[in-house]
Amino acid sequence: MMRRLGSVQRKMPCVFVTEVKEEPSTKREHQPFKVLATETISHKALDADIYSAIPTEKVDGTCCYVTTYKGQPYLWARLDRKPNKVAEKRFKNFLHSKQNSKEFFWNVEEDFKPVPECWIPAKEIEQLNGNPMPDENGHIPGWVPVEKNNKQYCWHSSVVNYEFEIALVLKHHSDDPGLLEISAVPLSDLLEQTLELIGTNINGNPYGLGSKKHPLHLLIPHGAFQIRNLPTLKHNDLLSWFEGCREGKIEGIVWHCNDGCLIKVHRHHLGLCWPIPDTYMNSKPVIINMNLNKYEYAFDAKSLFNHFSKIDHQKFSRLNDIILSI
């Protein structure tokens, strides 16, 4: 049995020590600096025994979580609790002053914008007197349940059906690692896991899925795409792998360490571009394995589950070919 990989409940540190370069970011518009990796492996990575960790593809989407709500498994969307204007100004002034040896004091009950009543803080975040504490960016990571008719999370809700308690999941085919598979997975099988939602209306759609007329979104469990032939953990070797290897045409790498710690490197840390034209995810054939007969196809005509049931067991040469058939 493959060991259960870690879930993403907080920001992941970089595998290398990073440094700030005063030149415009290629990752974030209007950011006047870049965060680049040095050649030194970070203490956090070494402490987590990075050399025996499992390397996996970092997928570019939005983070989700499956846990119980109203007595049944639900998909939850990421929602960070952010400081109000007054507190944010105070925090920014602190960061820009030279007082970083002192600690910034947050008043959690007064400094933060309200969140919905059903909001829960992410696991693993620091608590003080029973209150979740913000991370180094001044945010308190957390989750809100994705309700069926919530317009704000309509792309999240397109990949779940709460009546039948299933989710649309993309992963490797169990019998053929060179083949991707889209299937309807029971939400109960995904309980307490985090996943990445990818697709047409998420993060600029780096994988080219769907179209404006026929949006397509899918869930990928974190750690689903393991990397088989990663080079040694050296800056130049990783750079060459990202630039010259077909398997390196990905957003980044997430190492799942034995202690549950997650460590990452992003192409931007190495000064490389993302998104890129031909991603590794789009180089593999994909098969549709919905097997929805037991539900008697009782799906809304416009739902993705209904669309996929019509092309069940079909094979496509790559993910972004599926658009043509929907």
Protein backbone atom coordinates (compact mmCIF):
# COMPACT_ATOMS: atom_id res chain seq x y z
CA MET A 1 0.00 0.00 0.00
CA MET A 2 1.26 3.47 -0.87
CA ARG A 3 1.47 5.61 2.23
CA ARG A 4 -1.09 8.38 2.54
CA LEU A 5 0.47 11.64 1.41
CA GLY A 6 0.24 14.91 3.34
CA SER A 7 -2.54 17.46 2.94
CA VAL A 8 -2.04 21.15 2.19
CA GLN A 9 -3.22 23.14 5.20
CA ARG A 10 -0.67 25.98 5.19
CA LYS A 11 1.83 27.78 2.97
CA MET A 12 4.70 25.49 1.97
CA PRO A 13 8.33 26.54 2.42
CA CYS A 14 10.81 26.39 -0.47
CA VAL A 15 13.32 23.53 -0.59
CA PHE A 16 16.11 26.10 -1.02
CA VAL A 17 16.96 29.16 1.05
CA THR A 18 15.47 32.08 -0.90
CA GLU A 19 16.64 35.64 -1.51
CA VAL A 20 14.83 38.74 -2.71
CA LYS A 21 16.04 40.35 -5.96
CA GLU A 22 14.99 43.93 -6.70
CA GLU A 23 13.59 43.33 -10.19
CA PRO A 24 9.99 42.99 -11.46
CA SER A 25 8.33 39.67 -10.63
CA THR A 26 7.35 37.34 -13.48
CA LYS A 27 4.87 35.65 -11.15
CA ARG A 28 2.87 38.61 -9.82
CA GLU A 29 2.03 41.72 -11.79
CA HIS A 30 2.99 45.00 -10.05
CA GLN A 31 5.35 43.17 -7.65
CA PRO A 32 8.69 45.03 -7.90
CA PHE A 33 10.82 42.12 -6.66
CA LYS A 34 11.49 38.41 -7.29
CA VAL A 35 11.93 35.67 -4.71
CA LEU A 36 14.65 33.38 -6.06
CA ALA A 37 16.22 30.18 -4.78
CA THR A 38 19.86 30.13 -3.73
CA GLU A 39 21.90 26.91 -4.03
CA THR A 40 21.55 26.15 -0.30
CA ILE A 41 18.99 23.59 0.86
CA SER A 42 16.85 25.08 3.65
CA HIS A 43 16.98 23.91 7.27
CA LYS A 44 13.26 23.11 7.15
CA ALA A 45 13.85 20.75 4.20
CA LEU A 46 16.80 19.05 5.91
CA ASP A 47 14.92 18.73 9.23
CA ALA A 48 12.04 17.05 7.37
CA ASP A 49 14.46 14.55 5.76
CA ILE A 50 13.87 15.83 2.23
CA TYR A 51 16.14 13.13 0.74
CA SER A 52 13.68 10.37 1.64
CA ALA A 53 10.56 12.38 0.70
CA ILE A 54 8.20 11.56 -2.19
CA PRO A 55 8.40 14.17 -5.00
CA THR A 56 5.09 15.00 -6.70
CA GLU A 57 3.87 17.46 -9.32
CA LYS A 58 2.74 20.84 -7.99
CA VAL A 59 -0.56 21.44 -9.80
CA ASP A 60 -1.69 24.98 -10.62
CA GLY A 61 -5.26 25.56 -9.43
CA THR A 62 -7.03 26.47 -6.21
CA CYS A 63 -6.81 24.47 -3.01
CA CYS A 64 -9.86 22.55 -1.71
CA TYR A 65 -10.56 20.26 1.23
CA VAL A 66 -13.05 17.47 1.84
CA THR A 67 -14.49 17.17 5.34
CA THR A 68 -17.89 16.73 6.97
CA TYR A 69 -20.60 19.40 6.88
CA LYS A 70 -24.27 18.91 7.80
CA GLY A 71 -23.50 15.27 8.53
CA GLN A 72 -22.13 14.37 5.09
CA PRO A 73 -18.81 14.69 3.19
CA TYR A 74 -18.55 18.15 1.60
CA LEU A 75 -16.10 20.01 -0.61
CA TRP A 76 -14.69 23.12 1.08
CA ALA A 77 -13.10 26.11 -0.67
CA ARG A 78 -10.02 27.94 0.58
CA LEU A 79 -10.85 31.24 2.27
CA ASP A 80 -8.14 33.08 4.16
CA ARG A 81 -9.23 35.44 6.91
CA LYS A 82 -7.51 38.75 6.17
CA PRO A 83 -6.80 41.80 8.33
CA ASN A 84 -9.03 44.88 8.12
CA LYS A 85 -7.60 48.10 6.65
CA VAL A 86 -6.40 49.55 9.96
CA ALA A 87 -4.62 46.36 11.05
CA GLU A 88 -3.15 45.77 7.58
CA LYS A 89 -1.66 49.27 7.55
CA ARG A 90 -0.15 48.68 11.01
CA PHE A 91 1.27 45.31 9.84
CA LYS A 92 2.76 46.78 6.64
CA ASN A 93 4.34 49.63 8.60
CA PHE A 94 5.88 47.05 10.94
CA LEU A 95 7.26 45.02 8.01
CA HIS A 96 8.77 48.08 6.35
CA SER A 97 10.29 49.41 9.56
CA LYS A 98 13.55 48.00 10.84
CA GLN A 99 11.92 46.50 13.92
CA ASN A 100 11.78 42.95 12.65
CA SER A 101 13.62 41.73 15.72
CA LYS A 102 10.44 42.52 17.66
CA GLU A 103 7.32 40.44 17.22
CA PHE A 104 4.15 41.89 15.74
CA PHE A 105 1.14 41.65 18.04
CA TRP A 106 -2.20 40.69 16.53
CA ASN A 107 -5.52 41.15 18.28
CA VAL A 108 -7.33 38.33 16.50
CA GLU A 109 -10.78 39.39 17.71
CA GLU A 110 -10.51 42.97 16.44
CA ASP A 111 -7.92 43.01 13.62
CA PHE A 112 -9.61 40.74 11.08
CA LYS A 113 -12.44 41.04 8.58
CA PRO A 114 -15.50 38.92 9.39
CA VAL A 115 -15.88 35.51 7.77
CA PRO A 116 -19.01 33.38 7.25
CA GLU A 117 -20.24 31.56 10.35
CA CYS A 118 -19.45 28.18 8.77
CA TRP A 119 -15.76 29.14 8.21
CA ILE A 120 -13.20 26.87 9.89
CA PRO A 121 -9.47 27.54 10.34
CA ALA A 122 -7.04 25.26 8.53
CA LYS A 123 -5.47 22.47 10.52
CA GLU A 124 -1.87 22.83 11.73
CA ILE A 125 -2.00 26.59 12.21
CA GLU A 126 -0.76 28.06 15.46
CA GLN A 127 -3.32 28.80 18.17
CA LEU A 128 -3.09 31.28 21.01
CA ASN A 129 -5.68 31.12 23.82
CA GLY A 130 -7.93 29.09 21.52
CA ASN A 131 -7.69 31.62 18.65
CA PRO A 132 -6.08 30.68 15.31
CA MET A 133 -3.08 32.92 14.64
CA PRO A 134 -2.15 34.50 11.28
CA ASP A 135 0.80 33.27 9.21
CA GLU A 136 3.81 35.38 8.19
CA ASN A 137 1.68 37.13 5.54
CA GLY A 138 -0.91 38.23 8.10
CA HIS A 139 -3.57 35.78 6.86
CA ILE A 140 -5.40 33.05 8.78
CA PRO A 141 -5.81 30.16 6.31
CA GLY A 142 -9.20 28.46 6.43
CA TRP A 143 -12.10 26.84 4.60
CA VAL A 144 -15.78 27.41 3.79
CA PRO A 145 -18.19 24.68 2.62
CA VAL A 146 -19.18 24.79 -1.05
CA GLU A 147 -22.98 24.99 -1.08
CA LYS A 148 -24.77 23.75 -4.19
CA ASN A 149 -26.18 27.10 -5.34
CA ASN A 150 -23.45 29.47 -4.15
CA LYS A 151 -22.58 31.61 -7.21
CA GLN A 152 -19.22 32.61 -5.72
CA TYR A 153 -18.10 28.97 -5.77
CA CYS A 154 -19.98 27.78 -8.88
CA TRP A 155 -16.86 26.18 -10.42
CA HIS A 156 -16.19 24.28 -7.21
CA SER A 157 -19.79 23.05 -7.07
CA SER A 158 -19.62 21.90 -10.72
CA VAL A 159 -17.27 19.05 -9.71
CA VAL A 160 -19.41 17.63 -6.88
CA ASN A 161 -22.84 16.09 -6.60
CA TYR A 162 -24.10 16.02 -3.00
CA GLU A 163 -27.18 13.94 -3.78
CA PHE A 164 -25.00 11.00 -4.83
CA GLU A 165 -21.99 12.19 -2.78
CA ILE A 166 -19.50 11.98 -5.65
CA ALA A 167 -16.74 14.17 -7.08
CA LEU A 168 -15.12 14.49 -10.53
CA VAL A 169 -11.51 13.45 -10.07
CA LEU A 170 -8.51 13.33 -12.39
CA LYS A 171 -5.70 10.92 -11.51
CA HIS A 172 -3.48 8.24 -13.02
CA HIS A 173 -5.20 5.07 -14.21
CA SER A 174 -4.53 2.37 -11.60
CA ASP A 175 -3.29 -0.16 -14.21
CA ASP A 176 -1.36 2.21 -16.47
CA PRO A 177 0.68 5.12 -15.04
CA GLY A 178 1.02 6.59 -18.56
CA LEU A 179 -2.75 7.03 -18.80
CA LEU A 180 -4.87 9.65 -17.01
CA GLU A 181 -8.40 8.86 -15.87
CA ILE A 182 -11.42 11.04 -15.11
CA SER A 183 -13.83 9.27 -12.78
CA ALA A 184 -16.65 9.86 -10.29
CA VAL A 185 -15.14 9.19 -6.85
CA PRO A 186 -17.22 8.88 -3.64
CA LEU A 187 -16.61 11.97 -1.48
CA SER A 188 -16.27 9.61 1.49
CA ASP A 189 -13.08 8.22 -0.14
CA LEU A 190 -11.63 11.75 -0.14
CA LEU A 191 -12.44 12.66 3.49
CA GLU A 192 -9.73 14.75 5.20
CA GLN A 193 -7.78 15.08 1.94
CA THR A 194 -6.87 18.30 0.19
CA LEU A 195 -7.17 18.58 -3.58
CA GLU A 196 -6.48 21.07 -6.34
CA LEU A 197 -9.37 22.37 -8.44
CA ILE A 198 -8.17 23.08 -12.00
CA GLY A 199 -9.99 24.23 -15.11
CA THR A 200 -11.33 26.90 -17.43
CA ASN A 201 -12.02 29.60 -14.86
CA ILE A 202 -9.27 28.89 -12.33
CA ASN A 203 -5.92 30.73 -12.24
CA GLY A 204 -5.92 31.65 -15.92
CA ASN A 205 -6.41 28.00 -16.98
CA PRO A 206 -2.74 27.00 -17.49
CA TYR A 207 -3.74 23.53 -18.76
CA GLY A 208 -6.12 24.87 -21.43
CA LEU A 209 -9.20 22.94 -20.25
CA GLY A 210 -12.68 23.54 -21.64
CA SER A 211 -13.87 26.77 -23.24
CA LYS A 212 -15.93 29.82 -22.32
CA LYS A 213 -19.01 28.14 -23.78
CA HIS A 214 -18.29 24.77 -22.13
CA PRO A 215 -16.24 25.31 -18.95
CA LEU A 216 -14.50 22.21 -17.64
CA HIS A 217 -13.20 21.77 -14.07
CA LEU A 218 -11.69 18.77 -12.28
CA LEU A 219 -10.26 17.86 -8.86
CA ILE A 220 -6.77 16.40 -8.44
CA PRO A 221 -5.86 14.93 -5.03
CA HIS A 222 -2.63 16.46 -3.71
CA GLY A 223 0.28 14.12 -4.31
CA ALA A 224 -1.58 12.22 -7.07
CA PHE A 225 1.13 12.74 -9.69
CA GLN A 226 4.36 11.29 -8.34
CA ILE A 227 7.59 12.17 -10.13
CA ARG A 228 9.61 9.07 -11.02
CA ASN A 229 12.92 10.32 -12.41
CA LEU A 230 13.87 13.41 -10.45
CA PRO A 231 17.57 14.36 -10.56
CA THR A 232 19.71 15.01 -7.48
CA LEU A 233 18.57 17.84 -5.23
CA LYS A 234 20.91 20.44 -6.69
CA HIS A 235 19.90 23.84 -8.03
CA ASN A 236 21.48 23.38 -11.49
CA ASP A 237 20.27 19.80 -11.91
CA LEU A 238 16.68 20.79 -11.10
CA LEU A 239 16.97 23.79 -13.45
CA SER A 240 18.11 21.51 -16.29
CA TRP A 241 15.33 19.02 -15.51
CA PHE A 242 12.62 21.72 -15.65
CA GLU A 243 14.06 23.14 -18.88
CA GLY A 244 15.02 20.02 -20.80
CA CYS A 245 12.88 17.13 -19.65
CA ARG A 246 9.31 16.36 -20.77
CA GLU A 247 8.37 15.42 -17.19
CA GLY A 248 9.72 18.82 -16.09
CA LYS A 249 7.00 20.75 -17.93
CA ILE A 250 5.12 21.34 -14.68
CA GLU A 251 4.51 24.30 -12.34
CA GLY A 252 6.75 22.95 -9.61
CA ILE A 253 7.53 20.09 -7.24
CA VAL A 254 6.02 19.31 -3.83
CA TRP A 255 7.96 16.88 -1.63
CA HIS A 256 5.82 14.86 0.80
CA CYS A 257 8.08 14.17 3.77
CA ASN A 258 7.77 11.27 6.22
CA ASP A 259 6.76 13.58 9.08
CA GLY A 260 3.82 14.99 7.03
CA CYS A 261 5.73 18.17 6.17
CA LEU A 262 5.37 19.52 2.62
CA ILE A 263 8.26 21.33 0.88
CA LYS A 264 8.06 22.91 -2.57
CA VAL A 265 9.98 24.50 -5.39
CA HIS A 266 8.24 26.60 -8.06
CA ARG A 267 9.63 27.28 -11.53
CA HIS A 268 9.70 30.98 -10.57
CA HIS A 269 12.12 30.19 -7.72
CA LEU A 270 14.56 29.09 -10.43
CA GLY A 271 13.90 32.11 -12.66
CA LEU A 272 11.80 30.08 -15.11
CA CYS A 273 8.46 31.01 -16.68
CA TRP A 274 5.02 29.65 -15.84
CA PRO A 275 2.54 29.07 -17.42
CA ILE A 276 4.15 27.34 -20.41
CA PRO A 277 2.65 26.18 -23.73
CA ASP A 278 2.97 22.37 -23.57
CA THR A 279 2.45 21.06 -20.06
CA TYR A 280 3.35 17.51 -19.06
CA MET A 281 -0.26 16.99 -17.93
CA ASN A 282 -1.39 17.58 -21.52
CA SER A 283 1.08 15.10 -22.99
CA LYS A 284 -0.75 12.01 -21.76
CA PRO A 285 -3.85 10.22 -23.06
CA VAL A 286 -6.93 10.31 -20.83
CA ILE A 287 -9.83 7.89 -20.45
CA ILE A 288 -13.30 8.63 -19.06
CA ASN A 289 -14.41 6.04 -16.47
CA MET A 290 -17.57 7.37 -14.87
CA ASN A 291 -19.64 4.17 -14.42
CA LEU A 292 -22.73 6.16 -13.48
CA ASN A 293 -25.31 3.53 -14.51
CA LYS A 294 -26.26 2.88 -10.89
CA TYR A 295 -27.47 6.48 -10.60
CA GLU A 296 -29.80 6.05 -13.58
CA TYR A 297 -28.31 9.21 -15.12
CA ALA A 298 -30.47 11.40 -12.91
CA PHE A 299 -28.21 14.42 -13.42
CA ASP A 300 -29.00 17.96 -14.41
CA ALA A 301 -28.70 18.21 -18.22
CA LYS A 302 -26.04 20.94 -17.98
CA SER A 303 -23.94 19.25 -15.31
CA LEU A 304 -20.44 17.94 -16.01
CA PHE A 305 -21.53 14.54 -14.67
CA ASN A 306 -24.20 14.38 -17.40
CA HIS A 307 -21.71 15.47 -20.09
CA PHE A 308 -19.17 12.87 -19.00
CA SER A 309 -21.76 10.09 -18.79
CA LYS A 310 -22.36 10.64 -22.55
CA ILE A 311 -18.69 10.05 -23.39
CA ASP A 312 -18.06 7.33 -20.81
CA HIS A 313 -15.23 4.87 -21.64
CA GLN A 314 -13.97 7.09 -24.46
CA LYS A 315 -10.25 7.73 -24.73
CA PHE A 316 -8.71 11.07 -25.75
CA SER A 317 -5.15 11.74 -26.87
CA ARG A 318 -4.83 14.51 -24.27
CA LEU A 319 -6.83 16.41 -21.66
CA ASN A 320 -7.56 19.53 -23.63
CA ASP A 321 -9.03 17.50 -26.50
CA ILE A 322 -12.05 16.71 -24.33
CA ILE A 323 -13.50 20.19 -24.94
CA LEU A 324 -14.38 19.26 -28.51
CA SER A 325 -16.72 16.50 -27.39
CA ILE A 326 -18.68 18.30 -24.70
